[in-house]
Protein backbone atom coordinates (compact mmCIF):
# COMPACT_ATOMS: atom_id res chain seq x y z
CA MET A 1 52.39 -2.98 -25.34
CA GLY A 2 50.16 -3.97 -28.27
CA TRP A 3 47.92 -1.50 -30.12
CA GLU A 4 44.20 -2.33 -30.31
CA GLY A 5 42.31 -1.41 -33.46
CA ALA A 6 39.02 0.45 -33.57
CA GLU A 7 37.12 -2.79 -34.19
CA ALA A 8 38.64 -4.36 -31.03
CA GLN A 9 37.40 -1.39 -28.98
CA GLY A 10 33.81 -1.67 -30.27
CA LEU A 11 34.18 1.38 -32.52
CA ASP A 12 33.45 1.68 -36.20
CA PRO A 13 36.49 2.15 -38.55
CA SER A 14 36.22 5.94 -38.21
CA GLY A 15 36.74 5.68 -34.45
CA ARG A 16 33.24 6.78 -33.52
CA LEU A 17 31.00 4.98 -31.05
CA PRO A 18 28.41 2.73 -32.72
CA TRP A 19 24.84 4.05 -32.93
CA VAL A 20 22.58 2.86 -30.10
CA SER A 21 18.79 2.99 -30.32
CA GLY A 22 16.71 4.66 -27.65
CA GLN A 23 15.17 1.30 -26.78
CA GLU A 24 18.59 -0.29 -26.25
CA LEU A 25 19.68 2.63 -24.09
CA MET A 26 16.49 2.38 -22.00
CA GLU A 27 16.97 -1.38 -21.51
CA ALA A 28 20.53 -0.75 -20.36
CA CYS A 29 19.35 1.87 -17.85
CA LEU A 30 16.58 -0.37 -16.51
CA SER A 31 19.10 -3.15 -15.87
CA SER A 32 20.97 -0.84 -13.47
CA SER A 33 21.50 -2.20 -9.98
CA ARG A 34 22.55 1.26 -8.72
CA GLU A 35 20.04 3.79 -10.04
CA ARG A 36 16.31 3.88 -9.26
CA LEU A 37 14.54 4.55 -12.54
CA LEU A 38 10.77 4.57 -12.96
CA VAL A 39 8.75 4.65 -16.18
CA VAL A 40 5.06 5.50 -15.84
CA GLU A 41 2.10 6.50 -17.96
CA LEU A 42 0.76 9.90 -16.96
CA PRO A 43 -1.64 11.18 -15.78
CA GLU A 44 -2.68 7.90 -14.07
CA TRP A 45 0.88 7.11 -12.86
CA THR A 46 0.58 3.53 -14.13
CA VAL A 47 3.89 1.69 -13.74
CA VAL A 48 5.33 0.61 -17.11
CA GLU A 49 8.89 -0.30 -16.13
CA MET A 50 11.26 -0.18 -13.15
CA SER A 51 15.02 -0.48 -12.96
CA ALA A 52 16.50 -3.51 -11.21
CA ARG A 53 17.51 -1.30 -8.25
CA LEU A 54 14.01 0.10 -7.76
CA ARG A 55 12.51 -3.39 -7.92
CA GLN A 56 14.72 -4.36 -4.98
CA ASP A 57 12.81 -1.86 -2.85
CA PHE A 58 9.66 -3.96 -3.29
CA ALA A 59 11.25 -7.42 -3.24
CA SER A 60 9.35 -8.65 -0.16
CA ALA A 61 5.99 -6.99 -0.88
CA ALA A 62 2.80 -9.02 -1.17
CA PHE A 63 2.45 -7.78 -4.76
CA GLU A 64 6.14 -8.27 -5.68
CA GLY A 65 5.38 -10.00 -8.98
CA ASP A 66 2.62 -7.55 -9.98
CA LEU A 67 4.40 -4.18 -10.04
CA ILE A 68 3.85 -3.54 -13.74
CA GLY A 69 0.36 -2.17 -14.31
CA GLN A 70 -0.03 -0.96 -10.70
CA SER A 71 -0.52 2.70 -9.95
CA PHE A 72 2.61 4.25 -8.45
CA GLY A 73 0.18 6.03 -6.13
CA HIS A 74 -0.27 2.72 -4.28
CA LEU A 75 3.42 2.79 -3.35
CA VAL A 76 3.52 6.22 -1.66
CA ASP A 77 1.93 7.68 1.46
CA PHE A 78 -1.23 9.79 1.46
CA ASP A 79 0.51 13.20 1.36
CA SER A 80 2.74 12.06 -1.50
CA LEU A 81 -0.29 10.84 -3.43
CA ASN A 82 -1.60 14.41 -3.34
CA ALA A 83 1.84 15.62 -4.50
CA LEU A 84 1.69 13.26 -7.49
CA ARG A 85 -1.78 14.53 -8.38
CA SER A 86 -0.58 18.14 -8.14
CA PHE A 87 2.39 17.30 -10.38
CA SER A 88 0.01 15.89 -12.99
CA LYS A 89 -2.00 19.12 -12.90
CA VAL A 90 1.15 21.19 -13.37
CA MET A 91 2.14 19.00 -16.32
CA SER A 92 -1.27 19.46 -17.92
CA LEU A 93 -0.65 23.22 -18.07
CA ARG A 94 2.71 22.87 -19.81
CA GLN A 95 3.36 22.37 -23.48
CA GLY A 96 5.69 19.65 -24.77
CA ASP A 97 8.19 17.54 -22.84
CA VAL A 98 9.61 18.55 -19.46
CA SER A 99 12.83 17.59 -17.68
CA SER A 100 14.65 18.48 -14.44
CA LEU A 101 11.53 19.09 -12.35
CA SER A 102 11.67 17.39 -8.97
CA LEU A 103 9.49 16.68 -5.96
CA VAL A 104 10.13 14.96 -2.62
CA ILE A 105 7.81 12.08 -1.76
CA THR A 106 7.57 9.30 0.80
CA VAL A 107 7.77 5.86 -0.81
CA ARG A 108 6.56 2.68 0.88
CA THR A 109 9.58 0.48 0.31
CA PHE A 110 9.81 -3.03 1.75
CA ARG A 111 12.51 -4.72 3.80
CA SER A 112 12.17 -8.13 5.43
CA LYS A 113 8.44 -8.16 4.55
CA SER A 114 7.78 -4.90 6.40
CA VAL A 115 6.99 -1.45 5.04
CA VAL A 116 9.83 1.05 5.51
CA GLU A 117 8.72 4.55 4.51
CA ARG A 118 11.58 6.48 2.93
CA ARG A 119 11.87 10.06 1.74
CA MET A 120 12.97 10.18 -1.89
CA ARG A 121 13.61 12.94 -4.38
CA MET A 122 11.89 12.22 -7.67
CA THR A 123 13.43 14.01 -10.68
CA THR A 124 11.98 14.06 -14.19
CA LEU A 125 14.30 12.86 -16.92
CA HIS A 126 11.55 13.06 -19.52
CA ALA A 127 7.90 13.79 -18.81
CA ARG A 128 4.77 14.84 -20.63
CA ALA A 129 1.23 15.56 -19.48
CA ALA A 130 -0.14 12.43 -21.14
CA GLY A 131 2.03 9.49 -22.07
CA ARG A 132 5.17 7.68 -21.04
CA SER A 133 7.40 9.58 -18.60
CA ILE A 134 10.74 8.71 -16.96
CA PHE A 135 11.84 9.61 -13.44
CA MET A 136 14.93 9.04 -11.32
CA LEU A 137 14.49 8.48 -7.57
CA GLU A 138 17.20 8.97 -4.95
CA ALA A 139 17.31 9.15 -1.19
CA ALA A 140 16.50 12.62 0.15
CA GLY A 141 17.48 14.40 3.34
CA GLU A 142 19.30 12.64 6.13
CA GLU A 143 19.33 9.25 4.40
CA SER A 144 21.60 10.55 1.64
CA ARG A 145 24.20 11.86 4.10
CA GLY A 146 26.39 9.92 6.47
CA GLY A 147 27.98 6.54 5.88
CA GLY A 148 30.14 7.94 3.10
CA GLY A 149 27.15 8.87 0.97
CA ARG A 150 25.52 5.46 1.27
CA GLU A 151 21.89 5.18 2.26
CA GLU A 152 21.28 4.28 5.88
CA GLU A 153 18.76 1.46 6.20
CA GLU A 154 17.67 -0.23 9.39
CA GLU A 155 16.68 -3.85 9.04
CA PRO A 156 13.26 -4.48 10.62
CA ASP A 157 13.42 -6.80 13.61
CA TRP A 158 10.10 -7.22 15.39
CA ASN A 159 11.69 -9.26 18.16
CA ARG A 160 12.96 -5.91 19.44
CA ARG A 161 9.40 -4.65 19.92
CA ASP A 162 6.91 -5.63 22.60
CA MET A 163 3.99 -6.25 20.26
CA MET A 164 1.77 -7.32 23.13
CA GLY A 165 1.90 -3.73 24.35
CA TYR A 166 -0.09 -2.61 21.31
CA SER A 167 -2.99 -4.94 22.13
CA GLY A 168 -6.18 -3.54 23.60
CA CYS A 169 -9.79 -2.49 23.08
CA PHE A 170 -10.61 0.22 20.56
CA GLY A 171 -13.52 2.00 18.89
CA TYR A 172 -14.03 3.87 15.64
CA ASP A 173 -13.17 7.59 15.84
CA PHE A 174 -15.61 9.58 13.67
CA GLY A 175 -13.75 12.84 14.24
CA ARG A 176 -10.23 11.76 13.25
CA SER A 177 -10.90 9.09 10.64
CA THR A 178 -10.53 10.11 7.00
CA SER A 179 -12.74 7.29 5.74
CA THR A 180 -15.31 4.74 6.90
CA PRO A 181 -15.82 1.00 6.39
CA TYR A 182 -18.72 1.98 4.09
CA ASP A 183 -16.28 3.93 1.86
CA PHE A 184 -13.87 0.99 1.97
CA ASP A 185 -16.55 -1.43 0.80
CA ARG A 186 -17.68 0.91 -1.99
CA ALA A 187 -14.06 1.12 -3.20
CA ILE A 188 -13.78 -2.68 -3.19
CA TYR A 189 -16.95 -3.01 -5.27
CA GLU A 190 -15.71 -0.33 -7.66
CA VAL A 191 -12.48 -2.24 -8.31
CA GLN A 192 -13.80 -5.80 -8.17
CA ARG A 193 -17.23 -5.22 -9.75
CA GLU A 194 -18.09 -8.60 -8.31
CA PRO A 195 -21.03 -9.25 -5.94
CA ARG A 196 -19.03 -11.98 -4.20
CA SER A 197 -16.26 -9.57 -3.18
CA VAL A 198 -15.10 -9.79 0.44
CA THR A 199 -15.95 -6.54 2.22
CA MET A 200 -16.05 -5.27 5.79
CA MET A 201 -19.78 -5.92 6.00
CA SER A 202 -19.54 -9.39 4.45
CA MET A 203 -17.02 -10.30 7.16
CA ILE A 204 -18.73 -8.69 10.13
CA LEU A 205 -22.45 -9.23 9.58
CA PRO A 206 -22.46 -13.06 9.31
CA LYS A 207 -20.30 -13.27 12.45
CA LEU A 208 -22.74 -11.13 14.43
CA GLN A 209 -25.75 -12.99 13.04
CA SER A 210 -24.27 -16.33 14.08
CA GLU A 211 -25.07 -15.51 17.72
CA ALA A 212 -28.77 -15.37 18.61
CA SER A 213 -28.88 -12.25 20.80
CA SER A 214 -26.72 -10.04 18.54
CA SER A 215 -28.65 -11.33 15.51
CA ALA A 216 -31.87 -10.18 17.16
CA VAL A 217 -30.39 -6.70 17.65
CA ILE A 218 -29.29 -6.54 13.99
CA ASP A 219 -32.73 -7.68 12.80
CA ARG A 220 -34.43 -5.03 14.96
CA VAL A 221 -32.26 -2.27 13.45
CA ALA A 222 -32.86 -3.56 9.93
CA SER A 223 -36.63 -3.61 10.46
CA THR A 224 -36.65 0.13 11.17
CA SER A 225 -34.82 1.07 7.96
CA ALA A 226 -36.10 1.75 4.49
CA ILE A 227 -34.96 -0.86 1.93
CA ASN A 228 -32.85 1.61 -0.06
CA ALA A 229 -31.08 2.81 3.11
CA LEU A 230 -30.61 -0.57 4.81
CA GLN A 231 -26.89 -0.93 4.11
CA LYS A 232 -25.99 2.54 5.36
CA THR A 233 -28.21 2.09 8.41
CA LEU A 234 -26.40 -1.11 9.41
CA TYR A 235 -22.96 0.44 8.85
CA SER A 236 -23.91 3.45 10.94
CA PHE A 237 -25.34 1.35 13.77
CA ILE A 238 -22.37 -1.01 14.00
CA LEU A 239 -19.84 1.85 13.83
CA SER A 240 -21.66 3.70 16.61
CA HIS A 241 -22.25 0.69 18.87
CA HIS A 242 -19.24 -1.61 18.73
CA GLU A 243 -15.99 -2.42 20.45
CA LEU A 244 -12.85 -3.87 18.84
CA GLN A 245 -10.30 -6.01 20.59
CA ILE A 246 -7.01 -6.07 18.68
CA MET A 247 -4.37 -8.59 19.72
CA PHE A 248 -0.74 -8.85 18.64
CA ASP A 249 1.87 -11.45 19.43
CA ASN A 250 5.62 -11.88 18.98
CA LYS A 251 6.52 -15.07 17.15
CA THR A 252 9.54 -14.54 14.90
CA ALA A 253 11.36 -11.51 13.53
CA HIS A 254 9.30 -11.63 10.33
CA GLU A 255 5.97 -13.11 11.45
CA ILE A 256 3.57 -11.03 13.52
CA PRO A 257 0.33 -12.81 14.41
CA PHE A 258 -2.58 -10.39 14.53
CA ALA A 259 -6.26 -10.88 15.32
CA VAL A 260 -9.29 -8.60 15.56
CA PHE A 261 -12.39 -9.42 17.62
CA LEU A 262 -15.62 -7.43 17.56
CA ARG A 263 -18.74 -7.19 19.67
CA LEU A 264 -21.81 -4.98 19.85
CA LYS A 265 -21.75 -2.55 22.77
CA LEU A 266 -24.98 -0.66 23.41
CA PRO A 267 -25.23 2.33 25.77
CA LEU A 268 -27.19 2.10 29.02
CA SER A 269 -30.01 4.06 27.37
CA LEU A 270 -30.45 1.07 25.02
CA GLY A 271 -30.13 -1.56 27.72
CA GLY A 272 -26.32 -1.75 28.00
CA TYR A 273 -26.20 -4.96 25.97
CA ARG A 274 -22.80 -6.53 25.22
CA SER A 275 -22.68 -9.28 22.61
CA PRO A 276 -20.11 -12.11 22.76
CA TRP A 277 -16.77 -11.44 21.07
CA VAL A 278 -16.47 -12.75 17.49
CA LYS A 279 -13.22 -13.05 15.55
CA VAL A 280 -13.38 -11.12 12.26
CA VAL A 281 -9.72 -10.99 11.16
CA GLU A 282 -6.76 -13.32 11.68
CA ALA A 283 -3.51 -12.75 9.81
CA SER A 284 0.25 -12.33 9.92
CA LEU A 285 1.52 -8.83 9.22
CA ASN A 286 4.19 -9.94 6.76
CA GLY A 287 2.37 -9.85 3.43
CA THR A 288 1.16 -13.44 3.48
CA LEU A 289 -2.36 -14.16 2.27
CA CYS A 290 -5.02 -12.94 4.71
CA GLY A 291 -7.96 -15.33 4.42
CA SER A 292 -10.32 -12.82 6.08
CA PHE A 293 -9.86 -10.37 3.18
CA SER A 294 -9.50 -12.92 0.38
CA GLY A 295 -12.15 -14.50 -1.79
CA HIS A 296 -13.36 -14.77 -5.35
CA ASN A 297 -10.77 -13.02 -7.62
CA GLN A 298 -9.48 -11.16 -4.59
CA ARG A 299 -6.37 -11.37 -2.38
CA GLY A 300 -5.75 -9.36 0.75
CA ALA A 301 -2.45 -9.00 2.61
CA LEU A 302 -1.34 -6.91 5.59
CA HIS A 303 2.10 -5.37 6.08
CA ALA A 304 3.33 -3.72 9.27
CA HIS A 305 5.32 -0.47 9.04
CA TRP A 306 8.76 -0.43 10.63
CA ASN A 307 9.76 2.95 12.08
CA GLN A 308 11.70 4.46 14.95
CA SER A 309 8.59 5.34 16.96
CA ARG A 310 7.52 2.84 19.60
CA ALA A 311 4.44 4.86 20.52
CA GLU A 312 2.36 3.66 17.59
CA ILE A 313 2.03 0.85 15.11
CA LYS A 314 0.88 1.36 11.54
CA LEU A 315 -0.57 -1.32 9.26
CA THR A 316 -1.41 -1.22 5.56
CA LEU A 317 -3.88 -3.58 3.90
CA PHE A 318 -3.14 -4.27 0.23
CA MET A 319 -6.08 -5.58 -1.81
CA MET A 320 -5.28 -7.25 -5.12
CA ASN A 321 -7.64 -8.19 -7.94
CA THR A 322 -6.62 -11.57 -9.38
CA ALA A 323 -9.10 -11.50 -12.27
CA GLY A 324 -6.62 -9.65 -14.51
């Protein structure tokens, strides 16, 4: 058997490993197809880099090519967003760099163009209150056991669900909702800062005004409002006196046609008027462009959430600013 010299083994003549810069080491880690590594800027949680393995978790998302520069908060559920904010507060009270802290969060990963929420343990490798921080993510809880230590993942298959069963007529629930269409529209304006932005009201109002009788109702409500309160008055009236018809269909395993119709529905004390149905949203729930929510420098896309429960269906609308 031949003897290999130090040079042949990639060592310097003294037999020591060659010096590797921190940048080279980081690039090697980010190329990993096994480990989920995340680099963010705190305290905003802005994504700076992701390892190849972590990118795979978002490979079929509507924003697949725009991960860098996004807030990691967009990729977790509501409770986990609060956990990230709390972590930032804890970091702000500490001095210097921190490692080996961990928290468990729910990440909105994507498989076959559907959202699959997964519990992950997020461990700090290097973190500071303000600046670039590095985390490792790994499956937490039941997912990390079984199957010889491999993660258990169920491939979404919407052909196995009776989507028609989720169709029906609905109304806005003031008591259980955490936000309103008015809040949604204000958030869109805040991000877009563009008067031509597509909002809930810009979709709904023209549809209602296109029909003579419902337009007359809208005009009557508007005439009773002060100019500076007109927008809120219209939001409040439509939320309180409307009915939604949501319709699903099964087409293919990865394409879920979805449509929303709306009409005004007044109580008997106001004449019991029912306006004709108008279509306000039409889309597929697989991350493809949703024309109803897209416009000038703006793209909207809907993803359905795949889970074990058949009692509910959850949808997430992702709004993307294309202005840069």
